Protein backbone atom coordinates (compact mmCIF):
# COMPACT_ATOMS: atom_id res chain seq x y z
CA UNK A 1 60.46 118.31 176.74
CA UNK A 2 61.60 119.93 180.03
CA UNK A 3 64.97 119.71 181.44
CA UNK A 4 67.10 120.87 184.39
CA UNK A 5 70.64 120.01 185.39
CA UNK A 6 72.02 119.00 188.70
CA UNK A 7 75.26 120.64 190.03
CA UNK A 8 78.02 119.05 191.99
CA UNK A 9 79.97 121.15 194.55
CA UNK A 10 78.42 124.49 195.83
CA UNK A 11 79.01 127.53 193.63
CA UNK A 12 79.02 130.93 195.37
CA UNK A 13 77.61 132.57 192.29
CA UNK A 14 74.65 130.20 191.95
CA UNK A 15 71.71 130.90 194.33
CA UNK A 16 69.81 127.93 195.67
CA UNK A 17 66.69 130.04 196.14
CA UNK A 18 65.03 130.03 192.84
CA UNK A 19 62.25 132.69 192.48
CA UNK A 20 58.79 131.44 191.69
CA UNK A 21 58.28 134.04 188.90
CA UNK A 22 61.42 133.05 186.89
CA UNK A 23 61.72 133.20 183.14
CA UNK A 24 60.09 130.59 181.00
CA UNK A 25 62.66 129.72 178.37
CA UNK A 26 61.82 127.90 175.01
CA UNK A 27 64.89 126.58 173.26
CA UNK A 28 64.97 125.90 169.59
CA UNK A 29 67.57 123.45 168.00
CA UNK A 30 69.06 125.89 165.53
CA UNK A 31 71.16 127.69 168.15
CA UNK A 32 72.35 124.21 169.39
CA UNK A 33 73.53 123.33 165.97
CA UNK A 34 75.34 126.64 165.62
CA UNK A 35 76.99 126.27 169.04
CA UNK A 36 78.09 122.74 168.49
CA UNK A 37 79.39 123.68 165.02
CA UNK A 38 81.38 126.64 166.50
CA UNK A 39 82.92 124.53 169.25
CA UNK A 40 83.97 121.78 166.86
CA UNK A 41 85.49 124.25 164.33
CA UNK A 42 87.34 126.12 167.14
CA UNK A 43 88.83 122.83 168.66
CA UNK A 44 89.85 121.59 165.21
CA UNK A 45 91.69 124.84 164.54
CA UNK A 46 93.36 124.94 167.92
CA UNK A 47 91.63 128.09 169.05
CA UNK A 48 92.84 129.00 172.67
CA UNK A 49 90.51 131.96 173.26
CA UNK A 50 87.03 132.17 174.96
CA UNK A 51 84.10 130.70 172.94
CA UNK A 52 81.41 133.28 173.18
CA UNK A 53 78.18 133.85 171.15
CA UNK A 54 74.94 135.92 171.44
CA UNK A 55 71.42 134.45 171.67
CA UNK A 56 68.56 135.93 169.76
CA UNK A 57 64.86 135.40 170.18
CA UNK A 58 61.67 137.02 171.47
CA UNK A 59 60.73 138.12 174.97
CA UNK A 60 57.05 138.61 175.94
CA UNK A 61 56.84 139.39 179.52
CA UNK A 62 58.36 136.39 181.42
CA UNK A 63 58.41 134.12 178.29
CA UNK A 64 61.67 133.95 176.32
CA UNK A 65 62.42 132.11 173.19
CA UNK A 66 65.94 131.20 171.93
CA UNK A 67 65.68 130.83 168.17
CA UNK A 68 68.92 131.99 166.57
CA UNK A 69 72.65 132.71 167.60
CA UNK A 70 75.78 134.22 166.34
CA UNK A 71 79.40 134.16 167.37
CA UNK A 72 81.04 137.18 169.02
CA UNK A 73 84.60 138.40 168.92
CA UNK A 74 86.45 138.66 172.21
CA UNK A 75 89.59 140.44 173.40
CA UNK A 76 91.88 140.02 176.39
CA UNK A 77 91.70 143.02 178.67
CA UNK A 78 93.08 143.44 182.35
CA UNK A 79 93.38 139.65 182.56
CA UNK A 80 89.75 139.02 181.62
CA UNK A 81 87.92 138.16 178.34
CA UNK A 82 85.65 140.90 177.27
CA UNK A 83 83.46 141.39 174.11
CA UNK A 84 84.77 143.41 171.15
CA UNK A 85 82.17 146.23 171.62
CA UNK A 86 82.35 147.62 168.17
CA UNK A 87 82.09 144.30 166.36
CA UNK A 88 79.36 143.08 168.71
CA UNK A 89 77.21 146.14 168.16
CA UNK A 90 77.63 146.03 164.48
CA UNK A 91 76.89 142.31 164.11
CA UNK A 92 73.83 142.73 166.48
CA UNK A 93 72.27 145.43 164.21
CA UNK A 94 72.87 143.30 161.20
CA UNK A 95 71.16 140.22 162.76
CA UNK A 96 68.23 142.41 163.75
CA UNK A 97 67.87 143.53 160.12
CA UNK A 98 67.97 139.96 159.01
CA UNK A 99 65.45 138.69 161.45
CA UNK A 100 62.69 141.32 161.14
CA UNK A 101 59.66 139.08 160.79
CA UNK A 102 59.18 138.33 163.52
CA UNK A 103 61.51 140.87 165.07
CA UNK A 104 64.19 139.12 167.11
CA UNK A 105 66.32 140.80 169.70
CA UNK A 106 69.30 139.88 172.08
CA UNK A 107 67.96 137.57 174.88
CA UNK A 108 71.20 136.33 176.18
CA UNK A 109 74.61 134.73 175.40
CA UNK A 110 76.39 131.40 175.63
CA UNK A 111 79.82 130.09 176.49
CA UNK A 112 81.59 127.00 177.90
CA UNK A 113 81.51 126.21 181.51
CA UNK A 114 81.61 123.17 183.83
CA UNK A 115 78.52 121.73 185.58
CA UNK A 116 78.97 123.78 188.73
CA UNK A 117 77.83 126.99 186.88
CA UNK A 118 79.24 130.43 186.05
CA UNK A 119 82.59 131.53 187.40
CA UNK A 120 84.15 134.80 187.97
CA UNK A 121 85.68 134.86 184.48
CA UNK A 122 82.23 135.01 183.02
CA UNK A 123 81.11 138.04 184.88
CA UNK A 124 82.74 140.80 182.69
CA UNK A 125 81.04 139.57 179.49
CA UNK A 126 77.80 138.91 181.29
CA UNK A 127 77.78 142.49 182.63
CA UNK A 128 78.30 143.72 178.98
CA UNK A 129 75.32 141.76 177.80
CA UNK A 130 73.28 143.08 180.80
CA UNK A 131 74.02 146.64 179.57
CA UNK A 132 72.03 145.73 176.44
CA UNK A 133 69.36 143.51 177.96
CA UNK A 134 68.95 143.60 181.73
CA UNK A 135 67.11 140.28 181.76
CA UNK A 136 69.56 138.44 179.62
CA UNK A 137 70.03 134.73 180.13
CA UNK A 138 73.28 132.75 180.13
CA UNK A 139 73.42 129.37 178.42
CA UNK A 140 76.35 127.19 179.69
CA UNK A 141 77.54 124.47 177.39
CA UNK A 142 79.21 121.50 179.34
CA UNK A 143 81.98 119.77 177.38
CA UNK A 144 82.45 117.19 180.06
CA UNK A 145 78.98 115.92 179.50
CA UNK A 146 79.65 115.58 175.76
CA UNK A 147 82.81 113.49 176.40
CA UNK A 148 81.25 111.54 179.19
CA UNK A 149 77.42 111.87 178.92
CA UNK A 150 75.15 111.51 181.94
CA UNK A 151 72.38 108.97 181.58
CA UNK A 152 68.92 110.68 181.50
CA UNK A 153 70.40 114.16 180.81
CA UNK A 154 68.95 115.06 177.27
CA UNK A 155 71.19 118.10 176.52
CA UNK A 156 74.64 119.00 177.84
CA UNK A 157 73.64 122.61 178.82
CA UNK A 158 72.21 124.72 181.62
CA UNK A 159 70.37 128.06 181.33
CA UNK A 160 70.82 130.70 184.05
CA UNK A 161 68.99 133.88 184.97
CA UNK A 162 70.76 136.63 186.97
CA UNK A 163 69.98 139.49 189.12
CA UNK A 164 71.42 141.86 191.84
CA UNK A 165 70.57 140.31 195.23
CA UNK A 166 71.52 141.26 198.75
CA UNK A 167 74.27 139.13 200.19
CA UNK A 168 74.57 138.45 203.77
CA UNK A 169 78.11 137.41 204.69
CA UNK A 170 77.26 136.59 208.24
CA UNK A 171 74.40 134.20 207.24
CA UNK A 172 76.62 132.40 204.76
CA UNK A 173 79.41 131.98 207.48
CA UNK A 174 76.87 130.64 209.98
CA UNK A 175 75.55 128.18 207.49
CA UNK A 176 79.14 126.94 207.15
CA UNK A 177 79.60 126.58 210.90
CA UNK A 178 82.07 129.41 211.21
CA UNK A 179 82.02 132.34 213.74
CA UNK A 180 81.20 135.73 212.34
CA UNK A 181 81.33 139.23 213.49
CA UNK A 182 78.07 140.91 214.63
CA UNK A 183 77.18 143.85 212.36
CA UNK A 184 74.80 146.72 212.70
CA UNK A 185 71.52 145.74 211.10
CA UNK A 186 70.92 149.29 209.91
CA UNK A 187 74.02 149.00 207.64
CA UNK A 188 73.01 148.40 204.04
CA UNK A 189 73.52 144.88 202.93
CA UNK A 190 76.03 144.03 200.21
CA UNK A 191 74.55 143.69 196.77
CA UNK A 192 76.13 141.11 194.27
CA UNK A 193 75.32 139.35 191.09
CA UNK A 194 73.81 135.94 191.49
CA UNK A 195 72.62 133.29 189.12
CA UNK A 196 69.94 130.57 189.32
CA UNK A 197 69.02 127.80 187.03
CA UNK A 198 66.02 127.97 184.86
CA UNK A 199 64.04 125.09 183.48
CA UNK A 200 63.54 125.09 179.69
CA UNK A 201 61.49 123.45 177.05
CA UNK A 202 62.43 122.58 173.53
CA UNK A 203 60.34 123.78 170.64
CA UNK A 204 60.89 122.50 167.10
CA UNK A 205 59.41 123.65 163.80
CA UNK A 206 58.96 121.63 160.60
CA UNK A 207 62.20 122.90 158.93
CA UNK A 208 64.12 122.41 162.15
CA UNK A 209 62.92 118.82 162.45
CA UNK A 210 64.30 118.07 158.83
CA UNK A 211 67.60 119.73 159.73
CA UNK A 212 67.83 117.82 163.04
CA UNK A 213 67.20 114.55 161.24
CA UNK A 214 69.78 115.28 158.73
CA UNK A 215 72.42 116.14 161.38
CA UNK A 216 71.45 113.08 163.42
CA UNK A 217 71.78 110.69 160.46
CA UNK A 218 74.96 112.34 159.20
CA UNK A 219 76.72 112.20 162.57
CA UNK A 220 75.58 108.68 163.22
CA UNK A 221 77.00 107.42 159.85
CA UNK A 222 80.25 109.38 160.24
CA UNK A 223 80.99 108.38 163.91
CA UNK A 224 80.57 104.63 163.53
CA UNK A 225 84.27 103.82 163.63
CA UNK A 226 84.95 106.38 166.31
CA UNK A 227 82.32 104.99 168.57
CA UNK A 228 83.60 101.49 168.26
CA UNK A 229 87.07 102.43 169.31
CA UNK A 230 85.88 104.78 172.04
CA UNK A 231 83.67 102.22 173.74
CA UNK A 232 86.66 99.93 174.44
CA UNK A 233 88.21 102.58 176.55
CA UNK A 234 87.18 104.74 179.46
CA UNK A 235 88.02 108.11 180.94
CA UNK A 236 90.81 109.85 178.95
CA UNK A 237 90.95 106.92 176.49
CA UNK A 238 87.74 108.22 174.82
CA UNK A 239 89.52 111.52 173.88
CA UNK A 240 92.66 109.66 172.84
CA UNK A 241 90.77 107.33 170.54
CA UNK A 242 88.91 110.09 168.99
CA UNK A 243 92.06 112.26 168.34
CA UNK A 244 93.85 109.22 166.81
CA UNK A 245 90.85 108.50 164.55
CA UNK A 246 90.77 112.13 163.40
CA UNK A 247 94.62 112.16 162.78
CA UNK A 248 94.27 109.44 160.07
CA UNK A 249 94.66 110.60 156.46
CA UNK A 250 91.43 111.55 154.68
CA UNK A 251 90.39 109.55 151.61
CA UNK A 252 91.10 111.21 148.23
CA UNK A 253 87.37 110.81 147.44
CA UNK A 254 86.61 113.36 150.16
CA UNK A 255 88.51 116.14 148.40
CA UNK A 256 85.49 117.96 146.86
CA UNK A 257 85.26 121.52 145.81
CA UNK A 258 82.90 124.00 147.21
CA UNK A 259 80.29 123.73 144.42
CA UNK A 260 80.28 119.89 144.73
CA UNK A 261 79.74 120.06 148.52
CA UNK A 262 76.89 122.59 148.15
CA UNK A 263 75.31 120.39 145.51
CA UNK A 264 75.57 117.35 147.75
CA UNK A 265 74.19 119.24 150.66
CA UNK A 266 71.21 120.52 148.60
CA UNK A 267 70.52 116.91 147.40
CA UNK A 268 70.66 115.51 150.89
CA UNK A 269 68.40 118.16 152.17
CA UNK A 270 65.79 117.40 149.39
CA UNK A 271 66.19 113.67 150.05
CA UNK A 272 65.55 114.10 153.74
CA UNK A 273 62.51 116.16 153.00
CA UNK A 274 61.15 113.48 150.60
CA UNK A 275 62.02 110.77 153.02
CA UNK A 276 60.01 112.48 155.83
CA UNK A 277 57.07 113.04 153.51
CA UNK A 278 57.14 109.36 152.59
CA UNK A 279 57.13 108.37 156.15
CA UNK A 280 54.28 110.57 157.07
CA UNK A 281 52.25 109.48 154.01
CA UNK A 282 52.91 105.90 155.11
CA UNK A 283 51.68 106.75 158.61
CA UNK A 284 48.47 108.29 157.19
CA UNK A 285 47.91 105.19 155.07
CA UNK A 286 48.51 102.86 158.10
CA UNK A 287 46.06 104.99 160.11
CA UNK A 288 43.27 104.75 157.38
CA UNK A 289 43.81 100.98 157.17
CA UNK A 290 43.18 100.63 160.83
CA UNK A 291 39.80 102.22 160.70
CA UNK A 292 36.69 100.04 160.60
CA UNK A 293 34.81 99.95 157.36
CA UNK A 294 31.48 100.54 159.18
CA UNK A 295 31.70 103.22 161.86
CA UNK A 296 28.28 102.23 163.27
CA UNK A 297 29.47 98.87 164.31
CA UNK A 298 31.58 98.38 167.45
CA UNK A 299 35.23 99.04 167.10
CA UNK A 300 37.45 95.93 167.67
CA UNK A 301 40.54 96.03 169.88
CA UNK A 302 42.89 96.24 166.79
CA UNK A 303 41.28 99.33 165.28
CA UNK A 304 41.27 102.86 166.68
CA UNK A 305 38.40 105.27 167.26
CA UNK A 306 38.00 107.35 164.00
CA UNK A 307 38.86 111.02 164.45
CA UNK A 308 36.70 113.48 162.48
CA UNK A 309 39.28 116.15 162.73
CA UNK A 310 41.98 113.94 161.20
CA UNK A 311 39.68 112.69 158.46
CA UNK A 312 38.60 116.24 157.52
CA UNK A 313 42.27 117.30 157.30
CA UNK A 314 42.98 114.23 154.97
CA UNK A 315 40.07 115.11 152.83
CA UNK A 316 41.37 118.70 152.54
CA UNK A 317 44.75 117.47 151.75
CA UNK A 318 43.55 115.11 149.00
CA UNK A 319 41.50 118.00 147.51
CA UNK A 320 44.38 120.39 147.42
CA UNK A 321 46.47 117.89 145.53
CA UNK A 322 44.80 118.99 142.37
CA UNK A 323 46.03 122.62 143.00
CA UNK A 324 49.57 121.34 143.07
CA UNK A 325 49.34 118.85 140.25
CA UNK A 326 48.20 120.26 136.87
CA UNK A 327 44.81 118.97 135.70
CA UNK A 328 45.91 118.60 132.14
CA UNK A 329 48.95 116.27 132.18
CA UNK A 330 48.83 115.60 128.35
CA UNK A 331 48.97 119.36 127.52
CA UNK A 332 51.73 119.85 129.94
CA UNK A 333 53.78 116.91 128.47
CA UNK A 334 53.16 118.37 124.86
CA UNK A 335 54.38 121.80 125.98
CA UNK A 336 57.48 120.18 127.69
CA UNK A 337 58.17 118.18 124.68
CA UNK A 338 57.77 121.20 122.36
CA UNK A 339 60.13 123.24 124.39
CA UNK A 340 62.60 120.44 124.53
CA UNK A 341 62.57 120.09 120.74
CA UNK A 342 63.06 123.84 120.33
CA UNK A 343 66.08 123.69 122.52
CA UNK A 344 67.52 120.73 120.62
CA UNK A 345 66.80 122.43 117.26
CA UNK A 346 68.59 125.53 118.33
CA UNK A 347 71.52 123.44 119.52
CA UNK A 348 71.66 121.62 116.12
CA UNK A 349 71.47 124.99 114.19
CA UNK A 350 74.28 126.36 116.25
CA UNK A 351 76.46 123.18 115.71
CA UNK A 352 75.89 123.65 111.95
CA UNK A 353 76.86 127.16 111.83
CA UNK A 354 79.93 126.41 113.79
CA UNK A 355 80.77 123.76 111.21
CA UNK A 356 80.20 126.14 108.31
CA UNK A 357 82.46 128.76 109.93
CA UNK A 358 85.14 126.10 110.35
CA UNK A 359 84.79 125.08 106.67
CA UNK A 360 85.07 128.70 105.64
CA UNK A 361 88.33 129.02 107.74
CA UNK A 362 89.73 125.86 106.05
CA UNK A 363 88.92 127.31 102.56
CA UNK A 364 90.71 130.57 103.50
CA UNK A 365 93.87 128.67 104.59
CA UNK A 366 93.78 126.43 101.42
CA UNK A 367 93.64 129.56 99.23
CA UNK A 368 96.59 131.04 100.91
CA UNK A 369 98.53 127.69 100.45
CA UNK A 370 97.35 127.48 96.83
CA UNK A 371 98.37 131.03 96.08
CA UNK A 372 101.80 130.47 97.45
CA UNK A 373 102.03 127.39 95.35
CA UNK A 374 101.19 129.23 92.15
CA UNK A 375 103.50 131.94 92.96
CA UNK A 376 106.32 129.49 93.32
CA UNK A 377 105.49 127.83 89.93
CA UNK A 378 105.44 131.21 88.16
CA UNK A 379 108.82 132.01 89.71
CA UNK A 380 110.23 128.66 88.42
CA UNK A 381 108.73 129.28 84.94
CA UNK A 382 110.51 132.61 84.74
CA UNK A 383 113.75 131.04 85.79
CA UNK A 384 113.49 128.51 82.95
CA UNK A 385 112.30 131.06 80.33
CA UNK A 386 108.65 130.21 80.18
CA UNK A 387 105.94 132.73 79.70
CA UNK A 388 103.76 133.64 82.69
CA UNK A 389 100.75 133.11 80.51
CA UNK A 390 101.73 129.64 79.44
CA UNK A 391 98.80 127.27 79.14
CA UNK A 392 98.20 125.04 82.15
CA UNK A 393 99.98 127.38 84.55
CA UNK A 394 97.74 128.11 87.58
CA UNK A 395 94.88 126.00 86.36
CA UNK A 396 93.13 124.06 89.05
CA UNK A 397 94.02 120.50 89.48
CA UNK A 398 92.52 117.43 91.08
CA UNK A 399 91.54 118.01 94.63
CA UNK A 400 91.56 121.79 94.44
CA UNK A 401 88.61 123.61 96.12
CA UNK A 402 86.52 126.07 94.14
CA UNK A 403 85.96 129.26 96.41
């Protein structure tokens, strides 16, 4: 899928003359998930600073892939937002060590901007990124398109490439219909940083498709009530409706600890993978059902032309099922039953030993109580003039335990 974005008013930093040999950008969905999550968390926490992050990918000639991203710390310096150089360098080296196969490097950065493109406030950080990669791209995320989406625009973002170009102030003034001063042509032209928009394509892997499907279904289920309230209003009413909905108290059932949330996330991921596998198996079965039984006869309008490549892949898939599923199911079941019985037997033996230990403790306590009782009887016998060795004194009675 290819996409470009149209701008409104003219931006002096954006050049209208796009070079023919511009970068070819391939955008993966994982950076989009990270960027949207970062923006959501920052707005929920009331963050007032600049939202800036780095883009990681591969660059082979004029082809650039954007595969991962990470957030960057910023600081206010001389009235402008700049990167925390030490934190950025450390985090970049850590991310390079993590993504070593294939080796990913810094290919650009992202931030929030309007549809007109980069502004002067973006230049200090962009210059810092250019010091690391002189061909870095800038991904601008448009919040206004999220709040009020434009029909036909698939993603609320624009990717820019930058370069130092010669700026002719006299030409710009003449284009605007203003009088300009004549200058010596031998004088060197002014050089300034200019941006131009790049077309991009989206590339999605198998794991990313599962993640995107999970995010899409989760957001759709969570935003049903918000969308119903937002569609009844326009303009600022959409933001107000969403903020009022988010201000409502959360149900007590949603107060889950970290382990429960991780367990639910893992189960949902496995469930999405199984659902996708079921859908694809159903698609393969439907394809096989549409094939004609006799390939030599003419294919009717309701059936499709058999594909030898697809049939060979299906045959290989069916053949490899035996490698995943054990051939001897009965022996596997017996082994599992034997291991289960061993575990249950060990559990029963442990319970029995615990019971014996508790009985031993009860016997010890009873012996202490019985000894104190006999001692009191002997003391009473002495007080009444009886002999300590009188018959019946200290003999076990009914209910006494023999230890």
